Amino acid sequence: MVINAIDALTLKKMFLAGAKSIESKKEYINELNVFPVPDGDTGTNMTLTIMSAAKEVSQMENPTIEGLAKAISSGSLRGARGNSGVILSQLFRGFTKEIKDFNEINVTIMANAFGKAVETAYKAVMKPKEGTILTVARGGAEKAAELASETDDLVFFGKEVINYMEEVLAHTPELLPVLKEAGVVDSGGQGLVEIVKGAYDVLLGKEVDFDAAKTSKVDTSVSINIDTINTADIKFGYCTEFLIILEKEFNQDTELDFKGYLESIGDSLVVVADDDIVKVHVHTNDPGLAIQRALTYGSLSKIKIDNMREEHNERLIKDAEKIAAKQAEEKKLKMSKPVKTPKKEVGFISVSIGEGINDIFKGLGVDYIIAGGQTMNPSTEDMLNAIEQVNAETIFIFPNNSNIILAAQQAKDLTEDKKIVVIPSRTIPQGITSIINYVHDKSVEENEKRMTEEMKKVKSGQVTYAVRDTNIDGKEIKQGNIMGLDDKTILSVGSDISDTTFDLIKGLIDEDSELISLYYGADITEETAAELAEAIMKEYPNMDVEVHFGGQPIYYYVLSVE
């Protein structure tokens, strides 16, 4: 079989097949992540990014290549999540720039588009790192350029490009020692290969089911029997169930997005939808996050939360009900009487991960909180929506996570009517320090420099659990181990939360350290945090120790040493 050119309809099918391919391999790609932390993994981020574009593409009945290019570029840019998702969106952006003026795509145009995709993606990353998705993409582009002078057959061209991309992917552990030590290839590169292979299947004439899974009628009696679950093996402690009485459209794409979010904060997921009602069941460490997202689709009914670890059940139910009532009331007020705030010179947007940390940021003057962080990286569109809500000439954005900085930068590039300044905070403590060091009578440029410099003086740490076995920096880690991480690697591993946290702090303290700040999470009691603080003060009597309620899920402690 020889194919010399593809038209718009074929391109549409190829793109949707690529999206479906990575969606089906999402969990496998997640498992390739080197660090075994329960975060918004690469497979999830890349899938949500491409699905944002696939939603627009799938609605085009009589597509043109120009129309497809616009939908792919716009949809992926706005839906981009995490560094891998942003880089993927930039690859699509460059690719579509090259093809948009043609009615058909041949080998030469395809090769040029591969090259433009890589050029665009590399420009978007301040310090490109080899051994990543960028390396795999560049390998594919180089092979495509070579083949452009040798063949006119897109089938042969595609096969050779994929083969070479897989060779480059297999070589990524040699470029990144951390991959070699863990015995895996780069997860982002694997995701890109899956997308290209899915698209290539269409050229081969393989049948691809482009329809999302059909939804069934809702059985409001759906329930999971937790009596048979061994509580010692539970990673997500709260069995959360509720009904959503729909007030907005909840189509197949919306359902996929909602499921993707719930999968990022829990497991044992059941979501079944009818025309006007959705039944939800999820095991999570923060029921409030599931409830808050559900409230964006409608009102809630029959909320039921069970603590499967038999701890603090009454408090969690009350908290979740408060969140639901508060969100519903805020939603009602917003619908009945939009709030208009006077325009000001400077506004602040911060990504945050817990009720207590939200309150801290609000107390520091943050105008808009974006819920997210490790457990769910906000998309570029989430950033753009936040920017729209803040009525200020200049807006400072604090991503507070290394995997969100690129999405914030992308939102900045897409904003034309306001000056956006992204402070590249990689952790919550860095974000807090940055905002504290804002000086009202200084210029935007002076504050940007001051906040960026001051946050670099903060050493940050996080304590969580391992979701899989791995080996990092000579440390053998087993699933379920407690881990203490700094900004770059894993410093401590153990079986006890307090002991592992103490070991992490020891690794962060130096002779210039003066202050330790502990932000305890949803699964840590105030008494336990106070006991840890007392032990730290006893060990380091010349240092100040502050304890704050963070309320963050997944991470037992977020901490800083200054």
Protein backbone atom coordinates (compact mmCIF):
# COMPACT_ATOMS: atom_id res chain seq x y z
CA MET A 1 0.00 0.00 0.00
CA VAL A 2 1.32 3.40 -1.05
CA ILE A 3 -0.17 6.72 0.07
CA ASN A 4 1.24 9.94 -1.34
CA ALA A 5 -1.03 12.47 0.36
CA ILE A 6 -3.66 12.75 3.09
CA ASP A 7 -6.68 15.04 3.12
CA ALA A 8 -8.40 16.82 6.01
CA LEU A 9 -10.75 13.94 6.84
CA THR A 10 -7.84 11.50 7.10
CA LEU A 11 -5.89 13.98 9.23
CA LYS A 12 -8.86 14.28 11.57
CA LYS A 13 -9.04 10.51 11.96
CA MET A 14 -5.30 10.30 12.53
CA PHE A 15 -5.36 12.92 15.27
CA LEU A 16 -8.29 11.32 17.07
CA ALA A 17 -6.66 7.90 16.79
CA GLY A 18 -3.48 9.35 18.31
CA ALA A 19 -5.50 10.78 21.18
CA LYS A 20 -7.24 7.48 21.75
CA SER A 21 -3.93 5.64 21.65
CA ILE A 22 -2.33 7.62 24.47
CA GLU A 23 -5.57 7.56 26.46
CA SER A 24 -5.52 3.77 26.37
CA LYS A 25 -1.85 3.68 27.48
CA LYS A 26 -2.19 6.44 30.08
CA GLU A 27 -1.62 4.28 33.16
CA TYR A 28 1.32 2.48 31.56
CA ILE A 29 2.95 5.86 30.83
CA ASN A 30 2.24 7.00 34.38
CA GLU A 31 4.11 3.95 35.67
CA LEU A 32 7.24 5.09 33.81
CA ASN A 33 7.54 8.21 35.96
CA VAL A 34 10.83 8.01 37.82
CA PHE A 35 9.66 9.46 41.10
CA PRO A 36 7.10 7.17 42.75
CA VAL A 37 4.99 10.03 44.12
CA PRO A 38 1.16 10.08 43.86
CA ASP A 39 1.03 13.14 41.62
CA GLY A 40 -0.59 14.22 38.34
CA ASP A 41 1.53 11.90 36.21
CA THR A 42 2.80 12.32 32.66
CA GLY A 43 0.29 9.99 31.04
CA THR A 44 -2.60 11.79 32.70
CA ASN A 45 -1.29 15.24 31.79
CA MET A 46 -0.59 14.38 28.16
CA THR A 47 -3.95 12.64 27.79
CA LEU A 48 -5.92 15.57 29.22
CA THR A 49 -3.96 17.94 26.98
CA ILE A 50 -4.64 16.10 23.74
CA MET A 51 -8.24 15.33 24.74
CA SER A 52 -8.88 19.07 25.07
CA ALA A 53 -8.00 19.40 21.39
CA ALA A 54 -9.73 16.15 20.41
CA LYS A 55 -12.96 17.56 21.80
CA GLU A 56 -12.85 20.40 19.27
CA VAL A 57 -11.63 18.22 16.41
CA SER A 58 -14.32 15.58 16.90
CA GLN A 59 -17.06 18.21 16.48
CA MET A 60 -15.90 19.19 12.97
CA GLU A 61 -18.18 17.45 10.46
CA ASN A 62 -16.65 18.82 7.25
CA PRO A 63 -13.10 19.64 8.28
CA THR A 64 -10.49 21.58 6.37
CA ILE A 65 -6.80 21.32 7.19
CA GLU A 66 -6.80 24.98 8.17
CA GLY A 67 -9.74 24.42 10.52
CA LEU A 68 -8.16 21.31 12.01
CA ALA A 69 -4.88 23.15 12.53
CA LYS A 70 -6.66 25.89 14.45
CA ALA A 71 -8.65 23.42 16.59
CA ILE A 72 -5.61 21.26 17.40
CA SER A 73 -3.42 24.23 18.26
CA SER A 74 -6.00 26.16 20.28
CA GLY A 75 -7.45 23.13 22.05
CA SER A 76 -4.10 21.73 23.13
CA LEU A 77 -2.70 25.11 24.16
CA ARG A 78 -5.63 25.84 26.45
CA GLY A 79 -5.89 22.30 27.78
CA ALA A 80 -2.17 21.86 28.44
CA ARG A 81 -1.37 20.42 31.89
CA GLY A 82 2.06 19.81 33.38
CA ASN A 83 5.38 20.23 31.61
CA SER A 84 4.78 17.23 29.36
CA GLY A 85 1.37 18.58 28.35
CA VAL A 86 2.70 22.06 27.60
CA ILE A 87 5.54 20.65 25.51
CA LEU A 88 3.05 18.44 23.65
CA SER A 89 0.86 21.48 22.97
CA GLN A 90 3.88 23.35 21.58
CA LEU A 91 4.71 20.42 19.33
CA PHE A 92 1.15 20.58 17.98
CA ARG A 93 1.38 24.35 17.67
CA GLY A 94 4.49 24.18 15.49
CA PHE A 95 3.17 21.25 13.46
CA THR A 96 -0.11 22.98 12.66
CA LYS A 97 1.60 26.25 11.69
CA GLU A 98 3.35 24.37 8.91
CA ILE A 99 0.33 22.49 7.52
CA LYS A 100 -2.46 25.07 7.82
CA ASP A 101 -2.12 26.57 4.34
CA PHE A 102 -2.35 23.28 2.42
CA ASN A 103 -5.32 21.23 1.20
CA GLU A 104 -3.36 17.98 1.32
CA ILE A 105 -0.27 16.85 3.19
CA ASN A 106 2.52 14.95 1.46
CA VAL A 107 5.86 13.64 2.74
CA THR A 108 7.66 16.97 2.24
CA ILE A 109 5.01 18.95 4.10
CA MET A 110 4.86 16.33 6.85
CA ALA A 111 8.65 16.40 7.29
CA ASN A 112 8.67 20.20 7.43
CA ALA A 113 5.85 20.10 9.98
CA PHE A 114 7.84 17.70 12.19
CA GLY A 115 10.77 20.10 12.05
CA LYS A 116 8.64 23.14 12.87
CA ALA A 117 7.05 21.24 15.78
CA VAL A 118 10.43 20.54 17.35
CA GLU A 119 11.68 24.08 16.76
CA THR A 120 8.60 25.53 18.48
CA ALA A 121 8.78 23.17 21.44
CA TYR A 122 12.46 23.80 22.11
CA LYS A 123 11.88 27.56 22.09
CA ALA A 124 9.14 27.18 24.71
CA VAL A 125 11.44 25.49 27.23
CA MET A 126 13.94 27.77 28.95
CA LYS A 127 16.46 25.03 29.70
CA PRO A 128 15.73 22.04 27.43
CA LYS A 129 16.87 18.73 28.92
CA GLU A 130 17.92 15.85 26.72
CA GLY A 131 16.63 12.36 27.37
CA THR A 132 13.05 13.65 27.41
CA ILE A 133 10.08 14.04 25.07
CA LEU A 134 12.05 16.79 23.29
CA THR A 135 14.84 14.35 22.40
CA VAL A 136 12.37 11.81 21.01
CA ALA A 137 10.56 14.50 19.01
CA ARG A 138 13.83 15.82 17.59
CA GLY A 139 14.87 12.31 16.59
CA GLY A 140 11.60 11.90 14.71
CA ALA A 141 12.06 15.27 12.97
CA GLU A 142 15.62 14.47 11.91
CA LYS A 143 14.56 11.11 10.47
CA ALA A 144 11.62 12.77 8.70
CA ALA A 145 13.93 15.34 7.06
CA GLU A 146 16.23 12.54 5.89
CA LEU A 147 13.35 10.52 4.42
CA ALA A 148 11.80 13.51 2.63
CA SER A 149 14.44 13.25 -0.10
CA GLU A 150 14.13 9.46 -0.37
CA THR A 151 10.42 8.65 -0.63
CA ASP A 152 6.98 10.01 -1.51
CA ASP A 153 5.17 7.22 0.33
CA LEU A 154 3.69 8.36 3.65
CA VAL A 155 3.22 4.74 4.79
CA PHE A 156 6.92 3.92 4.43
CA PHE A 157 7.81 7.36 5.80
CA GLY A 158 5.64 6.86 8.90
CA LYS A 159 7.00 3.40 9.62
CA GLU A 160 10.62 4.56 9.45
CA VAL A 161 10.00 7.66 11.57
CA ILE A 162 8.28 5.61 14.29
CA ASN A 163 11.04 3.00 14.27
CA TYR A 164 13.65 5.68 14.73
CA MET A 165 11.67 7.45 17.46
CA GLU A 166 11.50 4.15 19.33
CA GLU A 167 15.29 3.78 18.96
CA VAL A 168 15.80 7.26 20.39
CA LEU A 169 13.33 6.50 23.19
CA ALA A 170 15.25 3.35 24.09
CA HIS A 171 18.40 5.49 24.34
CA THR A 172 16.91 8.04 26.79
CA PRO A 173 18.23 6.18 29.89
CA GLU A 174 21.76 6.80 28.59
CA LEU A 175 21.07 10.55 28.48
CA LEU A 176 19.37 10.80 31.88
CA PRO A 177 21.08 8.76 34.61
CA VAL A 178 17.98 8.88 36.80
CA LEU A 179 16.09 6.95 34.11
CA LYS A 180 18.86 4.36 33.87
CA GLU A 181 18.95 3.88 37.63
CA ALA A 182 15.19 3.33 37.73
CA GLY A 183 15.31 1.03 34.68
CA VAL A 184 12.76 2.98 32.59
CA VAL A 185 12.60 5.07 29.42
CA ASP A 186 11.31 8.65 29.46
CA SER A 187 7.56 8.73 30.08
CA GLY A 188 6.92 11.84 27.95
CA GLY A 189 8.82 10.36 25.05
CA GLN A 190 6.82 7.14 25.40
CA GLY A 191 3.61 9.18 25.33
CA LEU A 192 4.64 10.94 22.12
CA VAL A 193 5.48 7.64 20.45
CA GLU A 194 2.06 6.25 21.41
CA ILE A 195 0.34 9.26 19.82
CA VAL A 196 2.27 8.92 16.56
CA LYS A 197 1.70 5.14 16.44
CA GLY A 198 -2.02 5.65 16.98
CA ALA A 199 -2.17 8.14 14.12
CA TYR A 200 -0.17 5.80 11.87
CA ASP A 201 -2.71 3.01 12.40
CA VAL A 202 -5.21 5.06 10.40
CA LEU A 203 -2.80 5.16 7.44
CA LEU A 204 -2.54 1.37 7.62
CA GLY A 205 -6.31 1.14 7.37
CA LYS A 206 -6.82 -0.27 10.86
CA GLU A 207 -10.28 0.14 12.34
CA VAL A 208 -10.31 2.63 15.23
CA ASP A 209 -13.34 3.20 17.44
CA PHE A 210 -13.49 6.97 17.79
CA ASP A 211 -16.55 6.98 20.06
CA ALA A 212 -16.09 7.41 23.78
CA ALA A 213 -17.56 4.74 26.01
CA LYS A 214 -21.33 4.87 26.03
CA THR A 215 -22.89 6.08 29.25
CA SER A 216 -25.62 4.07 30.87
CA LYS A 217 -28.69 4.95 32.86
CA VAL A 218 -27.88 5.88 36.41
CA ASP A 219 -28.57 3.40 39.15
CA THR A 220 -28.72 5.56 42.26
CA SER A 221 -28.24 2.50 44.41
CA VAL A 222 -24.71 1.90 43.07
CA SER A 223 -22.41 1.36 46.03
CA ILE A 224 -19.09 -0.26 46.82
CA ASN A 225 -18.95 -2.72 49.71
CA ILE A 226 -15.93 -1.61 51.75
CA ASP A 227 -16.32 -4.41 54.29
CA THR A 228 -14.19 -6.70 52.14
CA ILE A 229 -11.31 -4.21 51.82
CA ASN A 230 -8.20 -4.75 53.92
CA THR A 231 -7.74 -1.35 55.58
CA ALA A 232 -4.00 -1.90 55.89
CA ASP A 233 -3.75 -1.72 52.10
CA ILE A 234 -5.88 1.40 51.63
CA LYS A 235 -4.09 4.33 50.02
CA PHE A 236 -7.18 6.56 49.79
CA GLY A 237 -9.07 6.55 53.05
CA TYR A 238 -12.43 8.17 52.36
CA CYS A 239 -15.18 6.45 50.43
CA THR A 240 -17.06 9.35 48.84
CA GLU A 241 -20.42 9.04 47.08
CA PHE A 242 -22.89 11.62 45.81
CA LEU A 243 -25.30 12.49 43.02
CA ILE A 244 -24.84 15.50 40.73
CA ILE A 245 -28.10 17.11 39.64
CA LEU A 246 -26.86 18.48 36.33
CA GLU A 247 -27.26 22.17 35.53
CA LYS A 248 -24.73 22.22 32.68
CA GLU A 249 -24.05 20.05 29.67
CA PHE A 250 -22.32 16.82 30.69
CA ASN A 251 -21.33 15.11 27.45
CA GLN A 252 -18.85 12.34 26.76
CA ASP A 253 -15.88 14.71 26.69
CA THR A 254 -16.93 16.35 29.95
CA GLU A 255 -17.28 12.94 31.54
CA LEU A 256 -13.78 11.93 30.41
CA ASP A 257 -12.35 15.13 31.86
CA PHE A 258 -14.20 14.62 35.16
CA LYS A 259 -13.06 11.01 35.38
CA GLY A 260 -9.49 12.07 34.66
CA TYR A 261 -9.63 14.52 37.54
CA LEU A 262 -11.09 11.98 39.96
CA GLU A 263 -8.48 9.40 38.93
CA SER A 264 -5.77 11.95 39.80
CA ILE A 265 -7.02 12.29 43.40
CA GLY A 266 -8.19 8.76 44.14
CA ASP A 267 -9.14 5.29 42.93
CA SER A 268 -12.07 2.79 42.92
CA LEU A 269 -13.84 5.15 40.56
CA VAL A 270 -17.44 4.76 39.40
CA VAL A 271 -19.08 7.51 37.31
CA VAL A 272 -22.37 6.75 35.55
CA ALA A 273 -24.38 9.49 33.88
CA ASP A 274 -27.88 10.03 32.58
CA ASP A 275 -29.36 13.10 30.90
CA ASP A 276 -29.82 15.04 34.12
CA ILE A 277 -28.02 13.13 36.88
CA VAL A 278 -24.58 11.65 37.53
CA LYS A 279 -23.75 9.05 40.17
CA VAL A 280 -20.22 9.33 41.55
CA HIS A 281 -18.19 7.01 43.75
CA VAL A 282 -14.49 7.54 44.49
CA HIS A 283 -11.98 6.66 47.21
CA THR A 284 -9.87 9.74 47.96
CA ASN A 285 -7.88 11.39 50.72
CA ASP A 286 -9.70 14.70 50.21
CA PRO A 287 -13.47 14.41 49.58
CA GLY A 288 -13.66 18.19 49.38
CA LEU A 289 -11.69 18.23 46.11
CA ALA A 290 -14.11 15.78 44.49
CA ILE A 291 -17.09 17.74 45.79
CA GLN A 292 -15.75 21.10 44.64
CA ARG A 293 -15.17 19.84 41.10
CA ALA A 294 -18.60 18.19 41.01
CA LEU A 295 -20.26 21.46 41.99
CA THR A 296 -19.04 23.03 38.75
CA TYR A 297 -21.50 20.78 36.91
CA GLY A 298 -24.56 21.22 39.14
CA SER A 299 -25.95 20.83 42.64
CA LEU A 300 -25.26 17.82 44.85
CA SER A 301 -27.52 15.34 46.57
CA LYS A 302 -27.14 12.22 48.74
CA ILE A 303 -23.58 13.05 49.84
CA LYS A 304 -22.10 10.10 51.75
CA ILE A 305 -18.56 9.88 53.12
CA ASP A 306 -17.17 6.91 55.04
CA ASN A 307 -13.75 6.87 56.64
CA MET A 308 -12.41 3.49 55.75
CA ARG A 309 -9.62 3.82 58.29
CA GLU A 310 -12.14 4.55 61.04
CA GLU A 311 -10.49 7.89 61.94
CA HIS A 312 -12.09 11.30 62.18
CA ASN A 313 -15.21 10.18 60.33
CA GLU A 314 -17.50 12.71 61.96
CA ARG A 315 -15.16 15.66 61.34
CA LEU A 316 -14.68 14.78 57.67
CA ILE A 317 -18.40 14.50 57.03
CA LYS A 318 -19.03 17.88 58.60
CA ASP A 319 -16.16 19.45 56.67
CA ALA A 320 -17.36 18.02 53.36
CA GLU A 321 -20.92 19.17 54.01
CA LYS A 322 -19.62 22.64 54.87
CA ILE A 323 -17.66 22.75 51.62
CA ALA A 324 -20.70 21.64 49.63
CA ALA A 325 -22.97 24.18 51.33
CA LYS A 326 -20.43 26.98 50.99
CA GLN A 327 -19.75 26.25 47.34
CA ALA A 328 -23.46 25.96 46.55
CA GLU A 329 -24.15 29.29 48.28
CA GLU A 330 -21.28 31.02 46.47
CA LYS A 331 -22.52 29.59 43.20
CA LYS A 332 -26.06 30.80 43.91
CA LEU A 333 -24.81 34.30 44.74
CA LYS A 334 -22.64 34.41 41.64
CA MET A 335 -25.58 33.43 39.43
CA SER A 336 -27.96 35.93 40.97
CA LYS A 337 -25.64 38.90 41.38
CA PRO A 338 -22.24 38.98 39.69
CA VAL A 339 -19.63 40.62 41.88
CA LYS A 340 -17.79 43.52 40.27
CA THR A 341 -14.59 44.67 41.90
CA PRO A 342 -12.93 47.97 41.06
CA LYS A 343 -9.87 47.71 38.86
CA LYS A 344 -6.57 47.88 40.72
CA GLU A 345 -2.96 48.13 39.71
CA VAL A 346 -1.73 44.74 40.93
CA GLY A 347 -3.43 41.40 41.55
CA PHE A 348 -2.24 37.96 42.68
CA ILE A 349 -3.10 34.43 41.54
CA SER A 350 -1.76 31.39 43.38
CA VAL A 351 -2.01 27.64 42.88
CA SER A 352 -2.80 25.97 46.20
CA ILE A 353 -3.36 22.44 47.51
CA GLY A 354 -5.36 22.52 50.75
CA GLU A 355 -7.91 24.39 52.82
CA GLY A 356 -5.39 25.70 55.34
CA ILE A 357 -2.88 26.75 52.69
CA ASN A 358 -5.72 28.44 50.77
CA ASP A 359 -6.44 30.52 53.87
CA ILE A 360 -2.77 31.44 54.23
CA PHE A 361 -2.60 32.71 50.66
CA LYS A 362 -5.86 34.63 51.05
CA GLY A 363 -4.50 36.19 54.23
CA LEU A 364 -1.47 37.37 52.25
CA GLY A 365 -3.71 39.16 49.77
CA VAL A 366 -4.06 36.62 46.96
CA ASP A 367 -7.08 37.50 44.80
CA TYR A 368 -7.72 34.11 43.19
CA ILE A 369 -6.82 30.59 44.28
CA ILE A 370 -6.47 27.85 41.67
CA ALA A 371 -7.05 24.45 43.25
CA GLY A 372 -4.46 21.99 42.07
CA GLY A 373 -0.79 21.32 42.55
CA GLN A 374 0.73 17.84 42.71
CA THR A 375 -2.51 15.91 42.66
CA MET A 376 -3.90 17.71 39.64
CA ASN A 377 -1.91 20.14 37.54
CA PRO A 378 -4.12 23.07 36.43
CA SER A 379 -4.40 23.59 32.69
CA THR A 380 -3.46 26.70 30.76
CA GLU A 381 -7.18 27.39 30.44
CA ASP A 382 -7.57 27.23 34.23
CA MET A 383 -4.90 29.92 34.38
CA LEU A 384 -6.62 32.02 31.72
CA ASN A 385 -9.96 31.77 33.56
CA ALA A 386 -8.27 32.96 36.74
CA ILE A 387 -6.64 35.87 34.91
CA GLU A 388 -10.04 36.89 33.58
CA GLN A 389 -11.47 36.93 37.11
CA VAL A 390 -8.81 39.25 38.55
CA ASN A 391 -9.52 42.87 37.64
CA ALA A 392 -5.99 44.26 37.70
CA GLU A 393 -3.58 45.86 35.24
CA THR A 394 -0.70 43.63 36.36
CA ILE A 395 -1.16 40.11 37.73
CA PHE A 396 1.49 38.05 39.49
CA ILE A 397 1.03 34.28 39.17
CA PHE A 398 2.59 31.83 41.63
CA PRO A 399 2.53 28.26 40.18
CA ASN A 400 4.08 26.77 43.36
CA ASN A 401 4.99 23.61 41.49
CA SER A 402 7.73 22.96 38.94
CA ASN A 403 5.26 21.08 36.75
CA ILE A 404 2.89 24.07 36.49
CA ILE A 405 5.34 26.84 35.57
CA LEU A 406 5.18 26.18 31.82
CA ALA A 407 1.36 26.25 31.84
CA ALA A 408 1.48 29.61 33.63
CA GLN A 409 3.98 30.93 31.10
CA GLN A 410 1.74 29.74 28.29
CA ALA A 411 -1.23 31.57 29.83
CA LYS A 412 0.93 34.68 30.01
CA ASP A 413 1.73 34.41 26.30
CA LEU A 414 -1.97 34.06 25.45
CA THR A 415 -3.03 37.11 27.50
CA GLU A 416 -3.08 40.42 25.65
CA ASP A 417 -5.07 42.88 27.80
CA LYS A 418 -3.15 42.51 31.09
CA LYS A 419 0.50 42.38 32.09
CA ILE A 420 1.23 38.93 33.50
CA VAL A 421 4.29 38.19 35.64
CA VAL A 422 5.00 34.56 36.43
CA ILE A 423 7.10 34.10 39.55
CA PRO A 424 8.62 30.63 38.98
CA SER A 425 7.87 29.27 42.45
CA ARG A 426 8.43 25.53 42.51
CA THR A 427 6.86 24.84 45.92
CA ILE A 428 4.17 26.19 48.24
CA PRO A 429 6.75 27.61 50.71
CA GLN A 430 8.50 29.43 47.85
CA GLY A 431 5.17 30.96 46.83
CA ILE A 432 4.43 32.09 50.37
CA THR A 433 7.89 33.65 50.73
CA SER A 434 7.54 35.40 47.37
CA ILE A 435 4.24 37.05 48.29
CA ILE A 436 5.52 38.08 51.73
CA ASN A 437 8.37 39.92 50.01
CA TYR A 438 6.11 41.97 47.71
CA VAL A 439 6.60 45.70 48.42
CA HIS A 440 3.70 47.97 47.43
CA ASP A 441 5.73 51.08 46.64
CA LYS A 442 8.19 49.23 44.40
CA SER A 443 7.80 48.83 40.63
CA VAL A 444 6.60 45.62 39.02
CA GLU A 445 10.11 44.90 37.75
CA GLU A 446 11.69 45.53 41.16
CA ASN A 447 9.16 43.28 42.87
CA GLU A 448 9.61 40.52 40.31
CA LYS A 449 13.36 40.54 40.93
CA ARG A 450 12.98 40.77 44.71
CA MET A 451 10.40 37.98 45.01
CA THR A 452 12.33 35.66 42.69
CA GLU A 453 15.57 36.19 44.59
CA GLU A 454 13.99 35.75 48.04
CA MET A 455 12.19 32.51 47.16
CA LYS A 456 15.51 30.95 46.09
CA LYS A 457 16.68 31.20 49.70
CA VAL A 458 13.92 28.80 50.81
CA LYS A 459 14.63 25.08 51.07
CA SER A 460 11.40 23.15 50.60
CA GLY A 461 10.38 19.63 51.48
CA GLN A 462 7.39 17.33 51.10
CA VAL A 463 6.50 14.07 52.77
CA THR A 464 4.30 11.50 51.04
CA TYR A 465 4.12 7.77 50.26
CA ALA A 466 5.49 5.68 47.39
CA VAL A 467 2.99 4.32 44.88
CA ARG A 468 5.42 1.84 43.33
CA ASP A 469 8.81 0.17 43.80
CA THR A 470 11.85 1.96 42.38
CA ASN A 471 15.47 2.87 43.02
CA ILE A 472 16.52 6.54 43.19
CA ASP A 473 19.99 7.87 44.05
CA GLY A 474 20.93 4.55 45.61
CA LYS A 475 17.78 4.41 47.74
CA GLU A 476 15.64 1.31 47.31
CA ILE A 477 12.01 2.30 47.66
CA LYS A 478 9.08 -0.05 48.12
CA GLN A 479 5.42 0.69 47.52
CA GLY A 480 3.91 2.16 50.67
CA ASN A 481 7.20 3.55 52.03
CA ILE A 482 7.13 7.09 53.42
CA MET A 483 9.37 9.47 51.47
CA GLY A 484 10.84 12.88 52.21
CA LEU A 485 11.57 14.92 49.09
CA ASP A 486 13.38 18.21 48.57
CA ASP A 487 13.15 20.25 45.35
CA LYS A 488 15.17 17.75 43.36
CA THR A 489 15.28 14.27 44.83
CA ILE A 490 14.30 11.91 47.65
CA LEU A 491 16.29 12.62 50.82
CA SER A 492 14.69 10.23 53.29
CA VAL A 493 12.80 6.94 53.17
CA GLY A 494 11.16 5.12 56.07
CA SER A 495 8.08 3.48 57.48
CA ASP A 496 7.10 6.18 60.00
CA ILE A 497 5.79 9.59 58.92
CA SER A 498 7.27 11.64 61.78
CA ASP A 499 10.65 9.91 61.67
CA THR A 500 10.93 10.31 57.91
CA THR A 501 9.94 13.98 58.19
CA PHE A 502 12.57 14.50 60.90
CA ASP A 503 15.23 12.89 58.68
CA LEU A 504 14.18 15.13 55.77
CA ILE A 505 14.57 18.26 57.93
CA LYS A 506 18.03 17.12 59.03
CA GLY A 507 18.98 16.91 55.36
CA LEU A 508 17.76 20.45 54.69
CA ILE A 509 19.26 22.28 57.70
CA ASP A 510 22.64 23.99 57.46
CA GLU A 511 24.56 26.44 59.65
CA ASP A 512 22.63 29.43 58.26
CA SER A 513 19.16 27.97 58.93
CA GLU A 514 16.97 29.93 61.34
CA LEU A 515 13.33 28.97 60.74
CA ILE A 516 11.44 25.72 60.06
CA SER A 517 7.82 25.94 58.90
CA LEU A 518 5.60 22.85 58.97
CA TYR A 519 2.29 22.69 57.07
CA TYR A 520 0.49 19.52 58.14
CA GLY A 521 -1.90 17.78 55.79
CA ALA A 522 -5.41 16.33 55.90
CA ASP A 523 -4.20 13.00 57.30
CA ILE A 524 -2.15 14.49 60.16
CA THR A 525 -3.70 15.68 63.44
CA GLU A 526 -2.75 18.94 65.10
CA GLU A 527 -1.46 16.96 68.11
CA THR A 528 0.85 14.83 65.96
CA ALA A 529 2.24 17.92 64.20
CA ALA A 530 2.81 19.63 67.55
CA GLU A 531 4.69 16.59 68.88
CA LEU A 532 6.94 16.61 65.81
CA ALA A 533 7.59 20.35 66.22
CA GLU A 534 8.52 19.81 69.88
CA ALA A 535 11.00 17.09 68.92
CA ILE A 536 12.55 19.39 66.31
CA MET A 537 12.91 22.26 68.80
CA LYS A 538 14.54 19.91 71.28
CA GLU A 539 17.06 18.83 68.64
CA TYR A 540 17.61 22.38 67.33
CA PRO A 541 17.01 24.75 70.28
CA ASN A 542 18.41 27.78 68.43
CA MET A 543 15.89 27.52 65.61
CA ASP A 544 12.30 28.77 65.43
CA VAL A 545 9.65 26.23 64.45
CA GLU A 546 6.23 27.27 63.15
CA VAL A 547 3.31 24.87 62.69
CA HIS A 548 0.41 25.63 60.32
CA PHE A 549 -2.64 23.66 59.22
CA GLY A 550 -2.25 23.05 55.50
CA GLY A 551 -5.06 20.56 54.91
CA GLN A 552 -3.38 19.28 51.74
CA PRO A 553 -4.21 15.75 50.51
CA ILE A 554 -1.57 13.15 49.65
CA TYR A 555 1.29 15.06 51.30
CA TYR A 556 1.51 14.50 55.06
CA TYR A 557 3.75 17.53 55.46
CA VAL A 558 4.86 20.40 53.29
CA LEU A 559 7.74 22.21 54.96
CA SER A 560 10.43 24.82 54.52
CA VAL A 561 13.80 25.64 56.05
CA GLU A 562 15.02 29.24 55.87
